[in-house]
Amino acid sequence: MLQPIKANTVDVIPQAVVGLSLHQVVGKRSEIATGGDDLDVFEGASFRLDDKLEFAIRHYQGHPDGTSTIYIDCRENDVETITRLIRKILDDLDIPESALRWERRDDPEL
């Protein structure tokens, strides 16, 4: 179950990219906010999955239009677990797997 949260309380890192805009992914599930970090300015929304895992959906300036990136708690580093979490997030956000453009298991050393 997804729960929108105001902001992540943990550091998150990119784990998957989907070929849908941020507005298509987030829809009415949460407000989209503007933020920034050491990389750039982004728009995004943060969530908690099953009252445990924090993640974010973001689109950074300079990233291709019509894409969104799933950022997951950086403490999660097992590729198989990350792959399962991505599938759960896609399912809970009603994103078809065909929209997935890249995921950590495609390049686990990144």
C-alpha atoms as a PDB file:
ATOM      1  CA  MET A   1       0.000   0.000   0.000  1.00  0.00           C
ATOM      2  CA  LEU A   2       1.310   3.438  -0.969  1.00  0.00           C
ATOM      3  CA  GLN A   3       1.182   6.351   1.391  1.00  0.00           C
ATOM      4  CA  PRO A   4       2.204   9.821   0.196  1.00  0.00           C
ATOM      5  CA  ILE A   5       4.676  11.551   2.503  1.00  0.00           C
ATOM      6  CA  LYS A   6       5.808  15.161   2.540  1.00  0.00           C
ATOM      7  CA  ALA A   7       9.505  14.337   2.028  1.00  0.00           C
ATOM      8  CA  ASN A   8      11.905  11.444   2.294  1.00  0.00           C
ATOM      9  CA  THR A   9      13.679  11.061   5.633  1.00  0.00           C
ATOM     10  CA  VAL A  10      16.333   8.823   4.055  1.00  0.00           C
ATOM     11  CA  ASP A  11      18.707   9.247   1.132  1.00  0.00           C
ATOM     12  CA  VAL A  12      17.306   7.720  -2.048  1.00  0.00           C
ATOM     13  CA  ILE A  13      19.104   6.627  -5.211  1.00  0.00           C
ATOM     14  CA  PRO A  14      17.853   5.873  -8.741  1.00  0.00           C
ATOM     15  CA  GLN A  15      16.734   2.280  -9.243  1.00  0.00           C
ATOM     16  CA  ALA A  16      14.430   2.406 -12.299  1.00  0.00           C
ATOM     17  CA  VAL A  17      13.293   4.660 -15.132  1.00  0.00           C
ATOM     18  CA  VAL A  18       9.839   4.536 -16.679  1.00  0.00           C
ATOM     19  CA  GLY A  19       8.749   6.008 -19.988  1.00  0.00           C
ATOM     20  CA  LEU A  20       5.905   8.044 -18.521  1.00  0.00           C
ATOM     21  CA  SER A  21       5.797  11.642 -17.380  1.00  0.00           C
ATOM     22  CA  LEU A  22       5.844  12.448 -13.682  1.00  0.00           C
ATOM     23  CA  HIS A  23       2.221  13.554 -13.882  1.00  0.00           C
ATOM     24  CA  GLN A  24       1.213  10.257 -15.512  1.00  0.00           C
ATOM     25  CA  VAL A  25       3.005   8.272 -12.812  1.00  0.00           C
ATOM     26  CA  VAL A  26       1.949  10.236  -9.748  1.00  0.00           C
ATOM     27  CA  GLY A  27      -1.480  11.254 -10.990  1.00  0.00           C
ATOM     28  CA  LYS A  28      -3.716  12.288  -8.107  1.00  0.00           C
ATOM     29  CA  ARG A  29      -1.920  10.121  -5.564  1.00  0.00           C
ATOM     30  CA  SER A  30       0.168  12.999  -4.259  1.00  0.00           C
ATOM     31  CA  GLU A  31       1.067  16.606  -4.839  1.00  0.00           C
ATOM     32  CA  ILE A  32       4.100  17.164  -7.031  1.00  0.00           C
ATOM     33  CA  ALA A  33       6.683  19.407  -5.412  1.00  0.00           C
ATOM     34  CA  THR A  34       9.783  21.149  -6.720  1.00  0.00           C
ATOM     35  CA  GLY A  35      13.053  20.433  -4.980  1.00  0.00           C
ATOM     36  CA  GLY A  36      16.753  20.371  -5.535  1.00  0.00           C
ATOM     37  CA  ASP A  37      19.906  18.623  -4.477  1.00  0.00           C
ATOM     38  CA  ASP A  38      23.584  18.484  -5.441  1.00  0.00           C
ATOM     39  CA  LEU A  39      22.608  17.185  -8.886  1.00  0.00           C
ATOM     40  CA  ASP A  40      19.980  19.624 -10.116  1.00  0.00           C
ATOM     41  CA  VAL A  41      16.432  20.896  -9.690  1.00  0.00           C
ATOM     42  CA  PHE A  42      13.655  18.308  -9.880  1.00  0.00           C
ATOM     43  CA  GLU A  43       9.929  17.831  -9.576  1.00  0.00           C
ATOM     44  CA  GLY A  44       8.720  14.843  -7.640  1.00  0.00           C
ATOM     45  CA  ALA A  45       6.664  13.122  -4.998  1.00  0.00           C
ATOM     46  CA  SER A  46       7.645  10.919  -2.061  1.00  0.00           C
ATOM     47  CA  PHE A  47       5.916   7.815  -0.765  1.00  0.00           C
ATOM     48  CA  ARG A  48       6.130   5.095   1.851  1.00  0.00           C
ATOM     49  CA  LEU A  49       5.466   1.530   0.718  1.00  0.00           C
ATOM     50  CA  ASP A  50       3.749  -0.860   3.140  1.00  0.00           C
ATOM     51  CA  ASP A  51       4.572   1.468   6.068  1.00  0.00           C
ATOM     52  CA  LYS A  52       8.280   0.644   5.646  1.00  0.00           C
ATOM     53  CA  LEU A  53      10.224   1.590   2.548  1.00  0.00           C
ATOM     54  CA  GLU A  54      10.535   5.202   1.472  1.00  0.00           C
ATOM     55  CA  PHE A  55      10.877   6.015  -2.201  1.00  0.00           C
ATOM     56  CA  ALA A  56      10.454   8.937  -4.553  1.00  0.00           C
ATOM     57  CA  ILE A  57       9.374   9.501  -8.129  1.00  0.00           C
ATOM     58  CA  ARG A  58      11.328  12.363  -9.691  1.00  0.00           C
ATOM     59  CA  HIS A  59      12.014  14.097 -12.935  1.00  0.00           C
ATOM     60  CA  TYR A  60      15.201  16.159 -13.022  1.00  0.00           C
ATOM     61  CA  GLN A  61      15.759  19.051 -15.389  1.00  0.00           C
ATOM     62  CA  GLY A  62      17.865  17.728 -18.233  1.00  0.00           C
ATOM     63  CA  HIS A  63      16.427  14.212 -18.099  1.00  0.00           C
ATOM     64  CA  PRO A  64      14.481  13.169 -21.205  1.00  0.00           C
ATOM     65  CA  ASP A  65      10.930  14.499 -21.383  1.00  0.00           C
ATOM     66  CA  GLY A  66       8.254  11.902 -20.763  1.00  0.00           C
ATOM     67  CA  THR A  67      10.336   9.923 -18.254  1.00  0.00           C
ATOM     68  CA  SER A  68      10.277   9.499 -14.489  1.00  0.00           C
ATOM     69  CA  THR A  69      12.808   7.879 -12.208  1.00  0.00           C
ATOM     70  CA  ILE A  70      12.067   5.720  -9.185  1.00  0.00           C
ATOM     71  CA  TYR A  71      14.447   6.450  -6.303  1.00  0.00           C
ATOM     72  CA  ILE A  72      14.602   3.909  -3.469  1.00  0.00           C
ATOM     73  CA  ASP A  73      16.149   4.090   0.011  1.00  0.00           C
ATOM     74  CA  CYS A  74      19.915   3.856  -0.510  1.00  0.00           C
ATOM     75  CA  ARG A  75      20.267   1.293   2.293  1.00  0.00           C
ATOM     76  CA  GLU A  76      18.571  -1.284   0.060  1.00  0.00           C
ATOM     77  CA  ASN A  77      21.418  -2.771  -1.986  1.00  0.00           C
ATOM     78  CA  ASP A  78      20.372  -6.322  -2.866  1.00  0.00           C
ATOM     79  CA  VAL A  79      19.570  -6.336  -6.605  1.00  0.00           C
ATOM     80  CA  GLU A  80      16.970  -9.117  -6.323  1.00  0.00           C
ATOM     81  CA  THR A  81      15.156  -7.276  -3.533  1.00  0.00           C
ATOM     82  CA  ILE A  82      15.319  -4.005  -5.491  1.00  0.00           C
ATOM     83  CA  THR A  83      13.837  -5.780  -8.529  1.00  0.00           C
ATOM     84  CA  ARG A  84      10.927  -7.082  -6.414  1.00  0.00           C
ATOM     85  CA  LEU A  85      10.389  -3.637  -4.901  1.00  0.00           C
ATOM     86  CA  ILE A  86      10.307  -2.025  -8.341  1.00  0.00           C
ATOM     87  CA  ARG A  87       7.644  -4.508  -9.461  1.00  0.00           C
ATOM     88  CA  LYS A  88       5.596  -3.783  -6.321  1.00  0.00           C
ATOM     89  CA  ILE A  89       5.893  -0.024  -6.885  1.00  0.00           C
ATOM     90  CA  LEU A  90       4.900  -0.387 -10.553  1.00  0.00           C
ATOM     91  CA  ASP A  91       1.910  -2.468  -9.542  1.00  0.00           C
ATOM     92  CA  ASP A  92       0.802  -0.085  -6.790  1.00  0.00           C
ATOM     93  CA  LEU A  93       1.140   2.905  -9.145  1.00  0.00           C
ATOM     94  CA  ASP A  94      -0.708   1.075 -11.945  1.00  0.00           C
ATOM     95  CA  ILE A  95       2.295   1.378 -14.267  1.00  0.00           C
ATOM     96  CA  PRO A  96       2.533  -1.364 -16.889  1.00  0.00           C
ATOM     97  CA  GLU A  97       5.841  -3.215 -16.910  1.00  0.00           C
ATOM     98  CA  SER A  98       6.104  -2.304 -20.612  1.00  0.00           C
ATOM     99  CA  ALA A  99       6.739   1.313 -19.487  1.00  0.00           C
ATOM    100  CA  LEU A 100       9.941   0.241 -17.696  1.00  0.00           C
ATOM    101  CA  ARG A 101      12.954   1.597 -19.606  1.00  0.00           C
ATOM    102  CA  TRP A 102      15.775   0.706 -17.215  1.00  0.00           C
ATOM    103  CA  GLU A 103      16.175  -0.901 -13.826  1.00  0.00           C
ATOM    104  CA  ARG A 104      19.071  -1.639 -11.504  1.00  0.00           C
ATOM    105  CA  ARG A 105      19.313  -5.303 -12.512  1.00  0.00           C
ATOM    106  CA  ASP A 106      20.149  -4.119 -16.063  1.00  0.00           C
ATOM    107  CA  ASP A 107      23.385  -2.605 -14.715  1.00  0.00           C
ATOM    108  CA  PRO A 108      23.920  -3.657 -11.088  1.00  0.00           C
ATOM    109  CA  GLU A 109      27.390  -2.065 -10.878  1.00  0.00           C
ATOM    110  CA  LEU A 110      26.124   1.483 -11.449  1.00  0.00           C
END
